[in-house]
Amino acid sequence: LALFAILVLIASVSCFCVNHNALKLTPHQRIPFFAILGIAVSFSVTFALIDVLNSFMTNIQTPQQVFLVLLSSVFTGLLFGLIFGILDTEDDPSARHALIRDERYSGPV
């Protein structure tokens, strides 16, 4: 778990240091970066949710359950990073306009 905590710190610092215009990477070259960010976000959200749920009732008790939650958060993070890297939505102006259009129909949570 300490390794994933370090991964979250590295991912958060790299978000401030990396600008896609400065690196001149193709979308497929950015997939590993997006995968690391996806793993970090998925890990953080999953374990925060588990901590909140465990404060009310004990759901995750054994090391096998912790490993399963860890493995699922890594898998979903990799999947999110792969999808975001392949779709290349940040460089596609039509996707940006579609997101802005759809944003008008959504409200704050």
PDB file of N, CA and C in Angstrom:
ATOM      1  N   LEU A   1       0.815  -1.198   0.000  1.00  0.00           N
ATOM      2  CA  LEU A   1       0.000   0.000   0.000  1.00  0.00           C
ATOM      3  C   LEU A   1       0.856   1.258   0.000  1.00  0.00           C
ATOM      4  N   ALA A   2       2.043   1.166   0.588  1.00  0.00           N
ATOM      5  CA  ALA A   2       2.926   2.323   0.592  1.00  0.00           C
ATOM      6  C   ALA A   2       3.398   2.673  -0.816  1.00  0.00           C
ATOM      7  N   LEU A   3       3.586   1.648  -1.646  1.00  0.00           N
ATOM      8  CA  LEU A   3       3.992   1.881  -3.022  1.00  0.00           C
ATOM      9  C   LEU A   3       2.919   2.657  -3.787  1.00  0.00           C
ATOM     10  N   PHE A   4       1.657   2.336  -3.532  1.00  0.00           N
ATOM     11  CA  PHE A   4       0.584   3.050  -4.200  1.00  0.00           C
ATOM     12  C   PHE A   4       0.419   4.458  -3.652  1.00  0.00           C
ATOM     13  N   ALA A   5       0.722   4.663  -2.396  1.00  0.00           N
ATOM     14  CA  ALA A   5       0.698   6.015  -1.847  1.00  0.00           C
ATOM     15  C   ALA A   5       1.773   6.883  -2.512  1.00  0.00           C
ATOM     16  N   ILE A   6       2.929   6.305  -2.755  1.00  0.00           N
ATOM     17  CA  ILE A   6       3.998   7.027  -3.453  1.00  0.00           C
ATOM     18  C   ILE A   6       3.583   7.296  -4.899  1.00  0.00           C
ATOM     19  N   LEU A   7       2.914   6.321  -5.528  1.00  0.00           N
ATOM     20  CA  LEU A   7       2.421   6.506  -6.893  1.00  0.00           C
ATOM     21  C   LEU A   7       1.443   7.672  -6.976  1.00  0.00           C
ATOM     22  N   VAL A   8       0.580   7.812  -5.988  1.00  0.00           N
ATOM     23  CA  VAL A   8      -0.373   8.924  -5.961  1.00  0.00           C
ATOM     24  C   VAL A   8       0.371  10.252  -5.852  1.00  0.00           C
ATOM     25  N   LEU A   9       1.394  10.302  -5.006  1.00  0.00           N
ATOM     26  CA  LEU A   9       2.178  11.536  -4.881  1.00  0.00           C
ATOM     27  C   LEU A   9       2.901  11.882  -6.175  1.00  0.00           C
ATOM     28  N   ILE A  10       3.503  10.887  -6.819  1.00  0.00           N
ATOM     29  CA  ILE A  10       4.212  11.122  -8.078  1.00  0.00           C
ATOM     30  C   ILE A  10       3.241  11.589  -9.158  1.00  0.00           C
ATOM     31  N   ALA A  11       2.080  10.958  -9.221  1.00  0.00           N
ATOM     32  CA  ALA A  11       1.088  11.341 -10.227  1.00  0.00           C
ATOM     33  C   ALA A  11       0.590  12.760 -10.004  1.00  0.00           C
ATOM     34  N   SER A  12       0.382  13.135  -8.746  1.00  0.00           N
ATOM     35  CA  SER A  12      -0.115  14.486  -8.481  1.00  0.00           C
ATOM     36  C   SER A  12       0.928  15.545  -8.806  1.00  0.00           C
ATOM     37  N   VAL A  13       2.185  15.267  -8.512  1.00  0.00           N
ATOM     38  CA  VAL A  13       3.242  16.228  -8.846  1.00  0.00           C
ATOM     39  C   VAL A  13       3.426  16.308 -10.352  1.00  0.00           C
ATOM     40  N   SER A  14       3.343  15.161 -11.034  1.00  0.00           N
ATOM     41  CA  SER A  14       3.555  15.171 -12.484  1.00  0.00           C
ATOM     42  C   SER A  14       2.436  15.903 -13.216  1.00  0.00           C
ATOM     43  N   CYS A  15       1.251  15.965 -12.636  1.00  0.00           N
ATOM     44  CA  CYS A  15       0.166  16.723 -13.267  1.00  0.00           C
ATOM     45  C   CYS A  15       0.515  18.197 -13.361  1.00  0.00           C
ATOM     46  N   PHE A  16       1.214  18.720 -12.377  1.00  0.00           N
ATOM     47  CA  PHE A  16       1.590  20.126 -12.400  1.00  0.00           C
ATOM     48  C   PHE A  16       2.816  20.382 -13.273  1.00  0.00           C
ATOM     49  N   CYS A  17       3.639  19.367 -13.448  1.00  0.00           N
ATOM     50  CA  CYS A  17       4.886  19.544 -14.186  1.00  0.00           C
ATOM     51  C   CYS A  17       4.758  19.291 -15.676  1.00  0.00           C
ATOM     52  N   VAL A  18       3.757  18.535 -16.075  1.00  0.00           N
ATOM     53  CA  VAL A  18       3.652  18.106 -17.466  1.00  0.00           C
ATOM     54  C   VAL A  18       2.605  18.939 -18.196  1.00  0.00           C
ATOM     55  N   ASN A  19       3.026  19.482 -19.311  1.00  0.00           N
ATOM     56  CA  ASN A  19       2.124  20.194 -20.205  1.00  0.00           C
ATOM     57  C   ASN A  19       2.215  19.491 -21.556  1.00  0.00           C
ATOM     58  N   HIS A  20       1.073  19.098 -22.115  1.00  0.00           N
ATOM     59  CA  HIS A  20       1.140  18.295 -23.335  1.00  0.00           C
ATOM     60  C   HIS A  20       1.735  19.059 -24.511  1.00  0.00           C
ATOM     61  N   ASN A  21       1.704  20.374 -24.495  1.00  0.00           N
ATOM     62  CA  ASN A  21       2.337  21.139 -25.559  1.00  0.00           C
ATOM     63  C   ASN A  21       3.854  21.167 -25.406  1.00  0.00           C
ATOM     64  N   ALA A  22       4.337  21.100 -24.187  1.00  0.00           N
ATOM     65  CA  ALA A  22       5.767  21.168 -23.949  1.00  0.00           C
ATOM     66  C   ALA A  22       6.465  19.847 -24.280  1.00  0.00           C
ATOM     67  N   LEU A  23       5.779  18.723 -24.099  1.00  0.00           N
ATOM     68  CA  LEU A  23       6.421  17.431 -24.317  1.00  0.00           C
ATOM     69  C   LEU A  23       6.386  16.967 -25.765  1.00  0.00           C
ATOM     70  N   LYS A  24       5.423  17.442 -26.546  1.00  0.00           N
ATOM     71  CA  LYS A  24       5.265  17.044 -27.951  1.00  0.00           C
ATOM     72  C   LYS A  24       5.155  15.526 -28.089  1.00  0.00           C
ATOM     73  N   LEU A  25       4.321  14.925 -27.276  1.00  0.00           N
ATOM     74  CA  LEU A  25       4.096  13.485 -27.357  1.00  0.00           C
ATOM     75  C   LEU A  25       2.849  13.198 -28.174  1.00  0.00           C
ATOM     76  N   THR A  26       2.875  12.093 -28.893  1.00  0.00           N
ATOM     77  CA  THR A  26       1.686  11.667 -29.605  1.00  0.00           C
ATOM     78  C   THR A  26       0.699  11.086 -28.597  1.00  0.00           C
ATOM     79  N   PRO A  27      -0.561  10.970 -28.974  1.00  0.00           N
ATOM     80  CA  PRO A  27      -1.540  10.411 -28.024  1.00  0.00           C
ATOM     81  C   PRO A  27      -1.165   9.018 -27.530  1.00  0.00           C
ATOM     82  N   HIS A  28      -0.599   8.194 -28.397  1.00  0.00           N
ATOM     83  CA  HIS A  28      -0.232   6.840 -27.981  1.00  0.00           C
ATOM     84  C   HIS A  28       0.987   6.835 -27.059  1.00  0.00           C
ATOM     85  N   GLN A  29       1.836   7.831 -27.162  1.00  0.00           N
ATOM     86  CA  GLN A  29       2.972   7.939 -26.248  1.00  0.00           C
ATOM     87  C   GLN A  29       2.537   8.437 -24.875  1.00  0.00           C
ATOM     88  N   ARG A  30       1.366   9.077 -24.818  1.00  0.00           N
ATOM     89  CA  ARG A  30       0.863   9.572 -23.533  1.00  0.00           C
ATOM     90  C   ARG A  30       0.060   8.524 -22.769  1.00  0.00           C
ATOM     91  N   ILE A  31      -0.216   7.375 -23.376  1.00  0.00           N
ATOM     92  CA  ILE A  31      -1.020   6.340 -22.718  1.00  0.00           C
ATOM     93  C   ILE A  31      -0.420   5.892 -21.389  1.00  0.00           C
ATOM     94  N   PRO A  32       0.911   5.642 -21.283  1.00  0.00           N
ATOM     95  CA  PRO A  32       1.448   5.256 -19.964  1.00  0.00           C
ATOM     96  C   PRO A  32       1.236   6.335 -18.894  1.00  0.00           C
ATOM     97  N   PHE A  33       1.365   7.607 -19.287  1.00  0.00           N
ATOM     98  CA  PHE A  33       1.135   8.696 -18.335  1.00  0.00           C
ATOM     99  C   PHE A  33      -0.318   8.706 -17.867  1.00  0.00           C
ATOM    100  N   PHE A  34      -1.246   8.546 -18.815  1.00  0.00           N
ATOM    101  CA  PHE A  34      -2.664   8.496 -18.458  1.00  0.00           C
ATOM    102  C   PHE A  34      -2.981   7.271 -17.621  1.00  0.00           C
ATOM    103  N   ALA A  35      -2.306   6.156 -17.892  1.00  0.00           N
ATOM    104  CA  ALA A  35      -2.531   4.940 -17.113  1.00  0.00           C
ATOM    105  C   ALA A  35      -2.077   5.138 -15.663  1.00  0.00           C
ATOM    106  N   ILE A  36      -0.934   5.782 -15.476  1.00  0.00           N
ATOM    107  CA  ILE A  36      -0.457   6.051 -14.110  1.00  0.00           C
ATOM    108  C   ILE A  36      -1.423   6.982 -13.383  1.00  0.00           C
ATOM    109  N   LEU A  37      -1.899   8.005 -14.081  1.00  0.00           N
ATOM    110  CA  LEU A  37      -2.874   8.910 -13.465  1.00  0.00           C
ATOM    111  C   LEU A  37      -4.177   8.181 -13.143  1.00  0.00           C
ATOM    112  N   GLY A  38      -4.614   7.323 -14.056  1.00  0.00           N
ATOM    113  CA  GLY A  38      -5.841   6.558 -13.820  1.00  0.00           C
ATOM    114  C   GLY A  38      -5.714   5.623 -12.637  1.00  0.00           C
ATOM    115  N   ILE A  39      -4.567   4.952 -12.514  1.00  0.00           N
ATOM    116  CA  ILE A  39      -4.346   4.068 -11.368  1.00  0.00           C
ATOM    117  C   ILE A  39      -4.349   4.863 -10.083  1.00  0.00           C
ATOM    118  N   ALA A  40      -3.675   6.010 -10.074  1.00  0.00           N
ATOM    119  CA  ALA A  40      -3.596   6.824  -8.860  1.00  0.00           C
ATOM    120  C   ALA A  40      -4.967   7.324  -8.431  1.00  0.00           C
ATOM    121  N   VAL A  41      -5.755   7.806  -9.387  1.00  0.00           N
ATOM    122  CA  VAL A  41      -7.090   8.321  -9.054  1.00  0.00           C
ATOM    123  C   VAL A  41      -8.003   7.184  -8.602  1.00  0.00           C
ATOM    124  N   SER A  42      -7.964   6.077  -9.319  1.00  0.00           N
ATOM    125  CA  SER A  42      -8.815   4.939  -8.972  1.00  0.00           C
ATOM    126  C   SER A  42      -8.449   4.394  -7.596  1.00  0.00           C
ATOM    127  N   PHE A  43      -7.163   4.297  -7.322  1.00  0.00           N
ATOM    128  CA  PHE A  43      -6.699   3.825  -6.012  1.00  0.00           C
ATOM    129  C   PHE A  43      -7.171   4.762  -4.906  1.00  0.00           C
ATOM    130  N   SER A  44      -7.008   6.063  -5.113  1.00  0.00           N
ATOM    131  CA  SER A  44      -7.387   7.032  -4.086  1.00  0.00           C
ATOM    132  C   SER A  44      -8.880   6.997  -3.795  1.00  0.00           C
ATOM    133  N   VAL A  45      -9.682   6.990  -4.845  1.00  0.00           N
ATOM    134  CA  VAL A  45     -11.139   6.990  -4.669  1.00  0.00           C
ATOM    135  C   VAL A  45     -11.603   5.684  -4.023  1.00  0.00           C
ATOM    136  N   THR A  46     -11.066   4.567  -4.495  1.00  0.00           N
ATOM    137  CA  THR A  46     -11.483   3.264  -3.973  1.00  0.00           C
ATOM    138  C   THR A  46     -11.165   3.133  -2.494  1.00  0.00           C
ATOM    139  N   PHE A  47      -9.941   3.460  -2.101  1.00  0.00           N
ATOM    140  CA  PHE A  47      -9.579   3.291  -0.699  1.00  0.00           C
ATOM    141  C   PHE A  47     -10.212   4.332   0.210  1.00  0.00           C
ATOM    142  N   ALA A  48     -10.494   5.523  -0.317  1.00  0.00           N
ATOM    143  CA  ALA A  48     -11.237   6.494   0.491  1.00  0.00           C
ATOM    144  C   ALA A  48     -12.655   6.003   0.747  1.00  0.00           C
ATOM    145  N   LEU A  49     -13.277   5.456  -0.279  1.00  0.00           N
ATOM    146  CA  LEU A  49     -14.624   4.910  -0.130  1.00  0.00           C
ATOM    147  C   LEU A  49     -14.640   3.721   0.830  1.00  0.00           C
ATOM    148  N   ILE A  50     -13.634   2.871   0.728  1.00  0.00           N
ATOM    149  CA  ILE A  50     -13.548   1.711   1.630  1.00  0.00           C
ATOM    150  C   ILE A  50     -13.363   2.179   3.079  1.00  0.00           C
ATOM    151  N   ASP A  51     -12.544   3.198   3.289  1.00  0.00           N
ATOM    152  CA  ASP A  51     -12.349   3.720   4.646  1.00  0.00           C
ATOM    153  C   ASP A  51     -13.646   4.261   5.227  1.00  0.00           C
ATOM    154  N   VAL A  52     -14.396   4.981   4.403  1.00  0.00           N
ATOM    155  CA  VAL A  52     -15.674   5.520   4.882  1.00  0.00           C
ATOM    156  C   VAL A  52     -16.644   4.386   5.203  1.00  0.00           C
ATOM    157  N   LEU A  53     -16.731   3.399   4.321  1.00  0.00           N
ATOM    158  CA  LEU A  53     -17.628   2.270   4.576  1.00  0.00           C
ATOM    159  C   LEU A  53     -17.204   1.456   5.791  1.00  0.00           C
ATOM    160  N   ASN A  54     -15.907   1.295   5.971  1.00  0.00           N
ATOM    161  CA  ASN A  54     -15.423   0.531   7.129  1.00  0.00           C
ATOM    162  C   ASN A  54     -15.636   1.269   8.448  1.00  0.00           C
ATOM    163  N   SER A  55     -15.804   2.579   8.392  1.00  0.00           N
ATOM    164  CA  SER A  55     -16.065   3.306   9.633  1.00  0.00           C
ATOM    165  C   SER A  55     -17.483   3.045  10.142  1.00  0.00           C
ATOM    166  N   PHE A  56     -18.406   2.708   9.233  1.00  0.00           N
ATOM    167  CA  PHE A  56     -19.777   2.405   9.633  1.00  0.00           C
ATOM    168  C   PHE A  56     -19.992   0.927   9.898  1.00  0.00           C
ATOM    169  N   MET A  57     -19.392   0.091   9.071  1.00  0.00           N
ATOM    170  CA  MET A  57     -19.491  -1.359   9.246  1.00  0.00           C
ATOM    171  C   MET A  57     -18.239  -1.985   8.660  1.00  0.00           C
ATOM    172  N   THR A  58     -17.847  -3.112   9.171  1.00  0.00           N
ATOM    173  CA  THR A  58     -16.604  -3.732   8.718  1.00  0.00           C
ATOM    174  C   THR A  58     -16.882  -4.573   7.474  1.00  0.00           C
ATOM    175  N   ASN A  59     -16.456  -4.072   6.344  1.00  0.00           N
ATOM    176  CA  ASN A  59     -16.632  -4.775   5.082  1.00  0.00           C
ATOM    177  C   ASN A  59     -15.360  -5.494   4.655  1.00  0.00           C
ATOM    178  N   ILE A  60     -14.241  -4.794   4.693  1.00  0.00           N
ATOM    179  CA  ILE A  60     -12.964  -5.335   4.243  1.00  0.00           C
ATOM    180  C   ILE A  60     -12.156  -5.707   5.482  1.00  0.00           C
ATOM    181  N   GLN A  61     -11.941  -7.005   5.660  1.00  0.00           N
ATOM    182  CA  GLN A  61     -11.263  -7.457   6.876  1.00  0.00           C
ATOM    183  C   GLN A  61      -9.996  -8.248   6.598  1.00  0.00           C
ATOM    184  N   THR A  62      -9.970  -9.080   5.567  1.00  0.00           N
ATOM    185  CA  THR A  62      -8.844  -9.978   5.342  1.00  0.00           C
ATOM    186  C   THR A  62      -7.874  -9.382   4.331  1.00  0.00           C
ATOM    187  N   PRO A  63      -6.621  -9.831   4.360  1.00  0.00           N
ATOM    188  CA  PRO A  63      -5.649  -9.365   3.365  1.00  0.00           C
ATOM    189  C   PRO A  63      -6.050  -9.734   1.933  1.00  0.00           C
ATOM    190  N   GLN A  64      -6.759 -10.830   1.758  1.00  0.00           N
ATOM    191  CA  GLN A  64      -7.209 -11.213   0.426  1.00  0.00           C
ATOM    192  C   GLN A  64      -8.220 -10.201  -0.118  1.00  0.00           C
ATOM    193  N   GLN A  65      -9.084  -9.703   0.748  1.00  0.00           N
ATOM    194  CA  GLN A  65     -10.050  -8.700   0.319  1.00  0.00           C
ATOM    195  C   GLN A  65      -9.358  -7.395  -0.050  1.00  0.00           C
ATOM    196  N   VAL A  66      -8.349  -7.010   0.724  1.00  0.00           N
ATOM    197  CA  VAL A  66      -7.586  -5.799   0.422  1.00  0.00           C
ATOM    198  C   VAL A  66      -6.872  -5.958  -0.919  1.00  0.00           C
ATOM    199  N   PHE A  67      -6.299  -7.135  -1.153  1.00  0.00           N
ATOM    200  CA  PHE A  67      -5.614  -7.388  -2.413  1.00  0.00           C
ATOM    201  C   PHE A  67      -6.587  -7.337  -3.589  1.00  0.00           C
ATOM    202  N   LEU A  68      -7.773  -7.865  -3.411  1.00  0.00           N
ATOM    203  CA  LEU A  68      -8.776  -7.834  -4.478  1.00  0.00           C
ATOM    204  C   LEU A  68      -9.198  -6.402  -4.797  1.00  0.00           C
ATOM    205  N   VAL A  69      -9.386  -5.582  -3.783  1.00  0.00           N
ATOM    206  CA  VAL A  69      -9.736  -4.174  -4.002  1.00  0.00           C
ATOM    207  C   VAL A  69      -8.578  -3.451  -4.690  1.00  0.00           C
ATOM    208  N   LEU A  70      -7.361  -3.747  -4.274  1.00  0.00           N
ATOM    209  CA  LEU A  70      -6.175  -3.148  -4.881  1.00  0.00           C
ATOM    210  C   LEU A  70      -6.055  -3.549  -6.351  1.00  0.00           C
ATOM    211  N   LEU A  71      -6.245  -4.813  -6.636  1.00  0.00           N
ATOM    212  CA  LEU A  71      -6.159  -5.309  -8.002  1.00  0.00           C
ATOM    213  C   LEU A  71      -7.254  -4.709  -8.888  1.00  0.00           C
ATOM    214  N   SER A  72      -8.447  -4.585  -8.351  1.00  0.00           N
ATOM    215  CA  SER A  72      -9.530  -4.003  -9.148  1.00  0.00           C
ATOM    216  C   SER A  72      -9.302  -2.522  -9.412  1.00  0.00           C
ATOM    217  N   SER A  73      -8.732  -1.810  -8.448  1.00  0.00           N
ATOM    218  CA  SER A  73      -8.463  -0.390  -8.683  1.00  0.00           C
ATOM    219  C   SER A  73      -7.341  -0.202  -9.698  1.00  0.00           C
ATOM    220  N   VAL A  74      -6.355  -1.086  -9.698  1.00  0.00           N
ATOM    221  CA  VAL A  74      -5.292  -1.010 -10.708  1.00  0.00           C
ATOM    222  C   VAL A  74      -5.865  -1.311 -12.091  1.00  0.00           C
ATOM    223  N   PHE A  75      -6.701  -2.336 -12.190  1.00  0.00           N
ATOM    224  CA  PHE A  75      -7.293  -2.697 -13.479  1.00  0.00           C
ATOM    225  C   PHE A  75      -8.164  -1.570 -14.032  1.00  0.00           C
ATOM    226  N   THR A  76      -9.015  -0.998 -13.201  1.00  0.00           N
ATOM    227  CA  THR A  76      -9.878   0.077 -13.695  1.00  0.00           C
ATOM    228  C   THR A  76      -9.070   1.315 -14.034  1.00  0.00           C
ATOM    229  N   GLY A  77      -8.036   1.609 -13.262  1.00  0.00           N
ATOM    230  CA  GLY A  77      -7.175   2.752 -13.577  1.00  0.00           C
ATOM    231  C   GLY A  77      -6.452   2.582 -14.898  1.00  0.00           C
ATOM    232  N   LEU A  78      -5.933   1.375 -15.148  1.00  0.00           N
ATOM    233  CA  LEU A  78      -5.295   1.099 -16.427  1.00  0.00           C
ATOM    234  C   LEU A  78      -6.289   1.225 -17.575  1.00  0.00           C
ATOM    235  N   LEU A  79      -7.480   0.743 -17.349  1.00  0.00           N
ATOM    236  CA  LEU A  79      -8.518   0.820 -18.380  1.00  0.00           C
ATOM    237  C   LEU A  79      -8.890   2.271 -18.672  1.00  0.00           C
ATOM    238  N   PHE A  80      -9.049   3.075 -17.630  1.00  0.00           N
ATOM    239  CA  PHE A  80      -9.363   4.495 -17.828  1.00  0.00           C
ATOM    240  C   PHE A  80      -8.236   5.197 -18.595  1.00  0.00           C
ATOM    241  N   GLY A  81      -7.000   4.946 -18.205  1.00  0.00           N
ATOM    242  CA  GLY A  81      -5.861   5.559 -18.884  1.00  0.00           C
ATOM    243  C   GLY A  81      -5.753   5.138 -20.336  1.00  0.00           C
ATOM    244  N   LEU A  82      -5.995   3.868 -20.599  1.00  0.00           N
ATOM    245  CA  LEU A  82      -5.941   3.363 -21.965  1.00  0.00           C
ATOM    246  C   LEU A  82      -7.031   3.991 -22.826  1.00  0.00           C
ATOM    247  N   ILE A  83      -8.236   4.050 -22.306  1.00  0.00           N
ATOM    248  CA  ILE A  83      -9.344   4.636 -23.060  1.00  0.00           C
ATOM    249  C   ILE A  83      -9.099   6.119 -23.315  1.00  0.00           C
ATOM    250  N   PHE A  84      -8.677   6.845 -22.305  1.00  0.00           N
ATOM    251  CA  PHE A  84      -8.447   8.279 -22.481  1.00  0.00           C
ATOM    252  C   PHE A  84      -7.304   8.541 -23.446  1.00  0.00           C
ATOM    253  N   GLY A  85      -6.253   7.713 -23.394  1.00  0.00           N
ATOM    254  CA  GLY A  85      -5.130   7.889 -24.306  1.00  0.00           C
ATOM    255  C   GLY A  85      -5.481   7.561 -25.739  1.00  0.00           C
ATOM    256  N   ILE A  86      -6.276   6.512 -25.938  1.00  0.00           N
ATOM    257  CA  ILE A  86      -6.647   6.117 -27.293  1.00  0.00           C
ATOM    258  C   ILE A  86      -7.640   7.100 -27.909  1.00  0.00           C
ATOM    259  N   LEU A  87      -8.609   7.556 -27.118  1.00  0.00           N
ATOM    260  CA  LEU A  87      -9.612   8.471 -27.656  1.00  0.00           C
ATOM    261  C   LEU A  87      -9.036   9.832 -28.001  1.00  0.00           C
ATOM    262  N   ASP A  88      -7.991  10.250 -27.299  1.00  0.00           N
ATOM    263  CA  ASP A  88      -7.321  11.524 -27.554  1.00  0.00           C
ATOM    264  C   ASP A  88      -8.306  12.685 -27.554  1.00  0.00           C
ATOM    265  N   THR A  89      -9.092  12.783 -26.512  1.00  0.00           N
ATOM    266  CA  THR A  89     -10.119  13.826 -26.445  1.00  0.00           C
ATOM    267  C   THR A  89      -9.540  15.207 -26.186  1.00  0.00           C
ATOM    268  N   GLU A  90      -8.356  15.288 -25.626  1.00  0.00           N
ATOM    269  CA  GLU A  90      -7.836  16.614 -25.307  1.00  0.00           C
ATOM    270  C   GLU A  90      -7.373  17.380 -26.534  1.00  0.00           C
ATOM    271  N   ASP A  91      -7.039  16.698 -27.627  1.00  0.00           N
ATOM    272  CA  ASP A  91      -6.585  17.381 -28.836  1.00  0.00           C
ATOM    273  C   ASP A  91      -7.654  17.471 -29.911  1.00  0.00           C
ATOM    274  N   ASP A  92      -8.812  16.889 -29.674  1.00  0.00           N
ATOM    275  CA  ASP A  92      -9.873  16.868 -30.670  1.00  0.00           C
ATOM    276  C   ASP A  92     -10.844  18.020 -30.404  1.00  0.00           C
ATOM    277  N   PRO A  93     -10.884  19.034 -31.290  1.00  0.00           N
ATOM    278  CA  PRO A  93     -11.762  20.182 -31.025  1.00  0.00           C
ATOM    279  C   PRO A  93     -13.241  19.818 -31.033  1.00  0.00           C
ATOM    280  N   SER A  94     -13.648  18.844 -31.844  1.00  0.00           N
ATOM    281  CA  SER A  94     -15.066  18.477 -31.868  1.00  0.00           C
ATOM    282  C   SER A  94     -15.483  17.811 -30.563  1.00  0.00           C
ATOM    283  N   ALA A  95     -14.581  17.035 -29.968  1.00  0.00           N
ATOM    284  CA  ALA A  95     -14.893  16.414 -28.678  1.00  0.00           C
ATOM    285  C   ALA A  95     -14.980  17.479 -27.592  1.00  0.00           C
ATOM    286  N   ARG A  96     -14.135  18.472 -27.674  1.00  0.00           N
ATOM    287  CA  ARG A  96     -14.164  19.567 -26.684  1.00  0.00           C
ATOM    288  C   ARG A  96     -15.484  20.323 -26.766  1.00  0.00           C
ATOM    289  N   HIS A  97     -15.943  20.595 -27.988  1.00  0.00           N
ATOM    290  CA  HIS A  97     -17.215  21.300 -28.156  1.00  0.00           C
ATOM    291  C   HIS A  97     -18.387  20.441 -27.680  1.00  0.00           C
ATOM    292  N   ALA A  98     -18.304  19.134 -27.905  1.00  0.00           N
ATOM    293  CA  ALA A  98     -19.366  18.236 -27.445  1.00  0.00           C
ATOM    294  C   ALA A  98     -19.409  18.202 -25.917  1.00  0.00           C
ATOM    295  N   LEU A  99     -18.239  18.221 -25.286  1.00  0.00           N
ATOM    296  CA  LEU A  99     -18.203  18.227 -23.821  1.00  0.00           C
ATOM    297  C   LEU A  99     -18.755  19.541 -23.263  1.00  0.00           C
ATOM    298  N   ILE A 100     -18.414  20.650 -23.908  1.00  0.00           N
ATOM    299  CA  ILE A 100     -18.920  21.950 -23.460  1.00  0.00           C
ATOM    300  C   ILE A 100     -20.434  22.012 -23.650  1.00  0.00           C
ATOM    301  N   ARG A 101     -20.943  21.487 -24.780  1.00  0.00           N
ATOM    302  CA  ARG A 101     -22.386  21.464 -25.029  1.00  0.00           C
ATOM    303  C   ARG A 101     -23.094  20.609 -23.976  1.00  0.00           C
ATOM    304  N   ASP A 102     -22.544  19.454 -23.677  1.00  0.00           N
ATOM    305  CA  ASP A 102     -23.168  18.560 -22.698  1.00  0.00           C
ATOM    306  C   ASP A 102     -23.083  19.113 -21.278  1.00  0.00           C
ATOM    307  N   GLU A 103     -22.082  19.935 -21.036  1.00  0.00           N
ATOM    308  CA  GLU A 103     -21.913  20.516 -19.713  1.00  0.00           C
ATOM    309  C   GLU A 103     -23.079  21.451 -19.366  1.00  0.00           C
ATOM    310  N   ARG A 104     -23.673  22.076 -20.373  1.00  0.00           N
ATOM    311  CA  ARG A 104     -24.802  22.971 -20.136  1.00  0.00           C
ATOM    312  C   ARG A 104     -26.015  22.221 -19.593  1.00  0.00           C
ATOM    313  N   TYR A 105     -26.144  20.933 -19.946  1.00  0.00           N
ATOM    314  CA  TYR A 105     -27.295  20.142 -19.521  1.00  0.00           C
ATOM    315  C   TYR A 105     -27.093  19.486 -18.157  1.00  0.00           C
ATOM    316  N   SER A 106     -25.886  19.547 -17.648  1.00  0.00           N
ATOM    317  CA  SER A 106     -25.616  18.919 -16.352  1.00  0.00           C
ATOM    318  C   SER A 106     -25.551  19.992 -15.267  1.00  0.00           C
ATOM    319  N   GLY A 107     -25.781  19.567 -14.062  1.00  0.00           N
ATOM    320  CA  GLY A 107     -25.747  20.491 -12.942  1.00  0.00           C
ATOM    321  C   GLY A 107     -24.669  20.094 -11.965  1.00  0.00           C
ATOM    322  N   PRO A 108     -24.347  20.957 -11.057  1.00  0.00           N
ATOM    323  CA  PRO A 108     -23.329  20.606 -10.048  1.00  0.00           C
ATOM    324  C   PRO A 108     -23.850  19.516  -9.121  1.00  0.00           C
ATOM    325  N   VAL A 109     -22.939  18.722  -8.660  1.00  0.00           N
ATOM    326  CA  VAL A 109     -23.304  17.617  -7.761  1.00  0.00           C
ATOM    327  C   VAL A 109     -23.322  18.108  -6.344  1.00  0.00           C
TER     328      VAL A 109
END
